[in-house]
Amino acid sequence: MTNFVNAVLFDLDGTLVDTAADFVRIIGKMSLENNWQAPDQNDIREQVSAGASAMVQLMLRHNGQTVVSQEELLEFRQQFLDDYEADICVDSCLFEQLDEVLIFLESKQVPWGIVTNKPRYLAEQLLEKMNLHERCTVLVCPDDVARTKPDPEPMYLALEKLGMPRGGAASVLYVGDHIRDIEAGRAAGMPTILAAYGYIPPEDQKTIKKWNATYIVETPMQLKNLLVNSGKFDYL
């Protein structure tokens, strides 16, 4: 790691914003509409980082709907996305301590941004609902690139939007809760912080040290301390 930081980038769902409660609500709504039982909320939470299709498939498996056509699966997925867009921020919130982190970075004039696999139309609406859209310096979504994380292309685009050369990646921290986040950050030459408090299934929790993140934080408080503690990070 370099002795200074020019920017901090975050994954969105499960790292910066705790969106799971809204997904639990939507899966519950869809289950009720089909006279099904909703999966356990913890099981849904663990699938958030895998995307809409994974959460829909969890709901179907939970109710014995193991034989559905690709067309039916896409219809359920589209309903999920439509319902989510209609009420995108009912229970979502920044993880505890994260607003303090953002305020701290802003006070030090260290820009922060988001590199996510969430579609842009949903990411922009979520950030606007949470009044983060004007604070976020850069937003990179799958719509913006040909290859998504774990490919480093989104990270390179974020650097470009920040007005930084690829050679400056070593001064940009990337924080994420999925192995693809760590792989993308590492491939781009960025120091990485694994948010182990995020949406990581128990079976993956056992192997996170093998992901080779620069740092691992178990709680948002640890992330805050890591970024704010001037004794360890006096370049901020």
Protein backbone atom coordinates (compact mmCIF):
# COMPACT_ATOMS: atom_id res chain seq x y z
CA MET A 1 0.00 0.00 0.00
CA THR A 2 1.14 3.52 -0.73
CA ASN A 3 1.53 6.08 2.04
CA PHE A 4 -1.43 8.15 0.86
CA VAL A 5 -5.01 7.63 -0.36
CA ASN A 6 -6.51 9.60 -3.23
CA ALA A 7 -9.98 7.99 -3.16
CA VAL A 8 -12.08 5.22 -1.60
CA LEU A 9 -14.42 3.11 -3.69
CA PHE A 10 -17.18 0.89 -2.32
CA ASP A 11 -19.32 -1.95 -3.56
CA LEU A 12 -22.96 -0.99 -2.99
CA ASP A 13 -25.23 -3.79 -1.68
CA GLY A 14 -23.78 -5.49 1.38
CA THR A 15 -20.84 -3.12 1.75
CA LEU A 16 -22.01 0.47 1.83
CA VAL A 17 -25.78 0.04 1.98
CA ASP A 18 -27.72 -2.66 3.81
CA THR A 19 -30.43 -3.37 1.24
CA ALA A 20 -31.35 -6.88 2.37
CA ALA A 21 -34.52 -5.92 4.24
CA ASP A 22 -36.11 -4.57 1.05
CA PHE A 23 -35.28 -7.77 -0.82
CA VAL A 24 -36.71 -9.84 2.02
CA ARG A 25 -39.89 -7.76 1.80
CA ILE A 26 -40.21 -8.25 -1.95
CA ILE A 27 -39.57 -12.01 -1.84
CA GLY A 28 -42.19 -12.18 0.92
CA LYS A 29 -44.68 -10.28 -1.26
CA MET A 30 -44.07 -12.53 -4.26
CA SER A 31 -44.33 -15.65 -2.11
CA LEU A 32 -47.66 -14.50 -0.67
CA GLU A 33 -49.02 -13.75 -4.14
CA ASN A 34 -48.27 -17.34 -5.16
CA ASN A 35 -49.53 -18.90 -1.89
CA TRP A 36 -45.96 -19.96 -1.07
CA GLN A 37 -43.87 -19.78 2.07
CA ALA A 38 -41.14 -17.17 2.00
CA PRO A 39 -37.58 -18.41 2.60
CA ASP A 40 -35.85 -17.50 5.85
CA GLN A 41 -34.69 -13.89 5.76
CA ASN A 42 -31.10 -14.91 6.51
CA ASP A 43 -31.13 -17.22 3.49
CA ILE A 44 -32.36 -14.36 1.31
CA ARG A 45 -29.73 -12.04 2.75
CA GLU A 46 -26.97 -14.48 1.81
CA GLN A 47 -28.12 -14.41 -1.84
CA VAL A 48 -28.27 -10.64 -2.26
CA SER A 49 -24.77 -10.29 -3.69
CA ALA A 50 -25.55 -13.04 -6.21
CA GLY A 51 -28.32 -10.90 -7.70
CA ALA A 52 -32.03 -10.98 -8.50
CA SER A 53 -32.00 -14.35 -10.25
CA ALA A 54 -30.38 -16.04 -7.25
CA MET A 55 -33.01 -14.67 -4.85
CA VAL A 56 -35.85 -15.71 -7.16
CA GLN A 57 -34.38 -19.19 -7.57
CA LEU A 58 -34.08 -19.48 -3.78
CA MET A 59 -37.80 -18.69 -3.47
CA LEU A 60 -38.67 -21.27 -6.11
CA ARG A 61 -36.50 -24.01 -4.58
CA HIS A 62 -37.90 -23.28 -1.14
CA ASN A 63 -41.37 -24.03 -2.48
CA GLY A 64 -40.50 -27.09 -4.53
CA GLN A 65 -40.68 -25.24 -7.84
CA THR A 66 -37.55 -26.88 -9.21
CA VAL A 67 -38.79 -27.38 -12.77
CA VAL A 68 -39.53 -24.03 -14.37
CA SER A 69 -38.76 -22.88 -17.89
CA GLN A 70 -36.22 -20.19 -18.63
CA GLU A 71 -39.10 -17.99 -19.73
CA GLU A 72 -40.89 -18.45 -16.39
CA LEU A 73 -37.69 -17.73 -14.49
CA LEU A 74 -37.20 -14.52 -16.44
CA GLU A 75 -40.81 -13.51 -15.74
CA PHE A 76 -40.31 -14.00 -11.99
CA ARG A 77 -37.04 -12.08 -12.17
CA GLN A 78 -38.68 -9.19 -14.01
CA GLN A 79 -41.50 -9.06 -11.47
CA PHE A 80 -38.90 -8.98 -8.71
CA LEU A 81 -37.08 -6.08 -10.38
CA ASP A 82 -40.31 -4.19 -11.07
CA ASP A 83 -41.47 -4.56 -7.46
CA TYR A 84 -38.05 -3.48 -6.23
CA GLU A 85 -37.99 -0.40 -8.43
CA ALA A 86 -41.49 0.57 -7.27
CA ASP A 87 -40.41 0.64 -3.61
CA ILE A 88 -36.64 0.70 -3.80
CA CYS A 89 -35.81 2.22 -0.44
CA VAL A 90 -38.33 1.35 2.26
CA ASP A 91 -35.98 -0.30 4.74
CA SER A 92 -32.53 0.10 3.14
CA CYS A 93 -29.98 2.16 5.04
CA LEU A 94 -26.27 2.80 5.30
CA PHE A 95 -24.54 0.24 7.46
CA GLU A 96 -23.98 1.58 10.96
CA GLN A 97 -20.89 3.81 11.19
CA LEU A 98 -20.64 4.16 7.40
CA ASP A 99 -22.09 7.67 7.28
CA GLU A 100 -19.41 8.69 9.76
CA VAL A 101 -16.82 7.23 7.39
CA LEU A 102 -18.24 9.18 4.45
CA ILE A 103 -18.35 12.40 6.47
CA PHE A 104 -14.76 11.85 7.52
CA LEU A 105 -13.57 11.27 3.95
CA GLU A 106 -15.46 14.34 2.78
CA SER A 107 -13.92 16.43 5.56
CA LYS A 108 -10.47 15.37 4.33
CA GLN A 109 -11.48 16.04 0.71
CA VAL A 110 -10.91 12.39 -0.15
CA PRO A 111 -13.48 11.55 -2.87
CA TRP A 112 -15.51 8.38 -2.51
CA GLY A 113 -17.47 6.47 -5.08
CA ILE A 114 -19.21 3.22 -5.93
CA VAL A 115 -18.37 0.37 -8.30
CA THR A 116 -21.28 -2.05 -8.34
CA ASN A 117 -22.87 -4.84 -10.36
CA LYS A 118 -26.28 -3.28 -9.67
CA PRO A 119 -27.96 -1.95 -12.84
CA ARG A 120 -27.55 1.81 -13.18
CA TYR A 121 -31.26 2.62 -13.24
CA LEU A 122 -31.67 0.95 -9.84
CA ALA A 123 -28.41 2.20 -8.34
CA GLU A 124 -29.18 5.81 -9.26
CA GLN A 125 -32.68 5.63 -7.80
CA LEU A 126 -31.40 4.07 -4.58
CA LEU A 127 -28.70 6.69 -4.12
CA GLU A 128 -31.17 9.49 -4.80
CA LYS A 129 -33.68 8.11 -2.30
CA MET A 130 -30.89 7.97 0.30
CA ASN A 131 -29.63 11.46 -0.55
CA LEU A 132 -26.25 10.06 -1.50
CA HIS A 133 -26.30 10.90 -5.20
CA GLU A 134 -24.71 14.33 -4.81
CA ARG A 135 -22.11 13.08 -2.33
CA CYS A 136 -20.98 10.14 -4.46
CA THR A 137 -18.17 11.33 -6.74
CA VAL A 138 -18.28 8.42 -9.18
CA LEU A 139 -20.72 5.61 -9.92
CA VAL A 140 -19.76 2.71 -12.17
CA CYS A 141 -22.40 0.10 -13.06
CA PRO A 142 -22.55 -2.93 -15.39
CA ASP A 143 -24.22 -0.77 -18.03
CA ASP A 144 -21.01 1.27 -18.32
CA VAL A 145 -18.59 -1.53 -19.22
CA ALA A 146 -18.22 -4.53 -21.50
CA ARG A 147 -16.89 -6.74 -18.71
CA THR A 148 -18.14 -6.55 -15.12
CA LYS A 149 -16.42 -7.48 -11.86
CA PRO A 150 -14.34 -9.57 -11.27
CA ASP A 151 -12.80 -8.09 -14.43
CA PRO A 152 -10.87 -4.90 -13.57
CA GLU A 153 -12.55 -2.88 -16.35
CA PRO A 154 -15.05 -1.21 -13.95
CA MET A 155 -12.20 -0.26 -11.64
CA TYR A 156 -10.24 1.29 -14.50
CA LEU A 157 -13.33 3.27 -15.54
CA ALA A 158 -13.70 4.54 -11.98
CA LEU A 159 -10.10 5.74 -12.07
CA GLU A 160 -10.78 7.49 -15.38
CA LYS A 161 -13.86 9.20 -13.97
CA LEU A 162 -11.78 10.32 -10.99
CA GLY A 163 -9.26 11.83 -13.41
CA MET A 164 -6.57 9.40 -12.35
CA PRO A 165 -4.24 7.22 -14.47
CA ARG A 166 -4.27 3.46 -14.06
CA GLY A 167 -0.88 3.81 -12.44
CA GLY A 168 -2.58 5.65 -9.59
CA ALA A 169 -4.62 2.60 -8.56
CA ALA A 170 -2.31 1.89 -5.62
CA SER A 171 -3.63 5.04 -3.93
CA VAL A 172 -7.31 4.03 -4.25
CA LEU A 173 -8.91 1.67 -1.73
CA TYR A 174 -11.70 -0.67 -2.81
CA VAL A 175 -14.11 -2.07 -0.23
CA GLY A 176 -16.37 -5.04 -1.06
CA ASP A 177 -18.10 -8.09 0.40
CA HIS A 178 -17.74 -10.59 -2.46
CA ILE A 179 -14.77 -12.48 -3.89
CA ARG A 180 -15.34 -10.78 -7.25
CA ASP A 181 -14.87 -7.40 -5.53
CA ILE A 182 -11.51 -8.44 -4.14
CA GLU A 183 -10.43 -10.00 -7.43
CA ALA A 184 -11.42 -6.89 -9.41
CA GLY A 185 -9.64 -4.56 -7.02
CA ARG A 186 -6.49 -6.67 -6.94
CA ALA A 187 -6.47 -7.04 -10.73
CA ALA A 188 -6.60 -3.24 -11.06
CA GLY A 189 -3.76 -2.80 -8.56
CA MET A 190 -5.89 -1.38 -5.75
CA PRO A 191 -5.49 -2.24 -2.06
CA THR A 192 -8.67 -4.09 -1.06
CA ILE A 193 -10.74 -4.26 2.11
CA LEU A 194 -13.07 -7.24 2.54
CA ALA A 195 -16.27 -6.27 4.35
CA ALA A 196 -16.86 -9.60 6.09
CA TYR A 197 -20.01 -8.15 7.71
CA GLY A 198 -21.68 -8.19 4.29
CA TYR A 199 -23.76 -10.75 2.46
CA ILE A 200 -21.37 -13.69 2.65
CA PRO A 201 -22.84 -17.24 2.94
CA PRO A 202 -21.51 -19.32 5.88
CA GLU A 203 -19.70 -21.72 3.55
CA ASP A 204 -17.78 -18.81 2.01
CA GLN A 205 -16.98 -17.26 5.40
CA LYS A 206 -14.64 -20.22 5.99
CA THR A 207 -12.49 -19.34 2.99
CA ILE A 208 -12.39 -15.54 2.96
CA LYS A 209 -8.73 -15.40 4.03
CA LYS A 210 -7.89 -17.17 0.77
CA TRP A 211 -9.43 -14.28 -1.17
CA ASN A 212 -6.20 -12.38 -0.39
CA ALA A 213 -7.75 -9.05 0.49
CA THR A 214 -5.29 -6.48 1.82
CA TYR A 215 -7.45 -6.14 4.94
CA ILE A 216 -10.48 -7.95 6.38
CA VAL A 217 -12.96 -6.12 8.61
CA GLU A 218 -15.57 -8.08 10.56
CA THR A 219 -17.83 -5.14 11.40
CA PRO A 220 -18.63 -1.69 10.03
CA MET A 221 -16.99 -0.30 13.17
CA GLN A 222 -13.73 -2.02 12.22
CA LEU A 223 -13.99 -0.51 8.75
CA LYS A 224 -14.55 2.90 10.29
CA ASN A 225 -11.55 2.47 12.57
CA LEU A 226 -9.40 1.24 9.71
CA LEU A 227 -10.20 4.27 7.57
CA VAL A 228 -10.37 6.89 10.31
CA ASN A 229 -7.66 5.87 12.81
CA SER A 230 -4.91 8.34 12.10
CA GLY A 231 -2.49 6.21 14.13
CA LYS A 232 -2.66 3.56 11.41
CA PHE A 233 -3.61 5.65 8.41
CA ASP A 234 -1.98 9.02 8.91
CA TYR A 235 -2.02 9.62 5.14
CA LEU A 236 -5.71 10.45 5.53
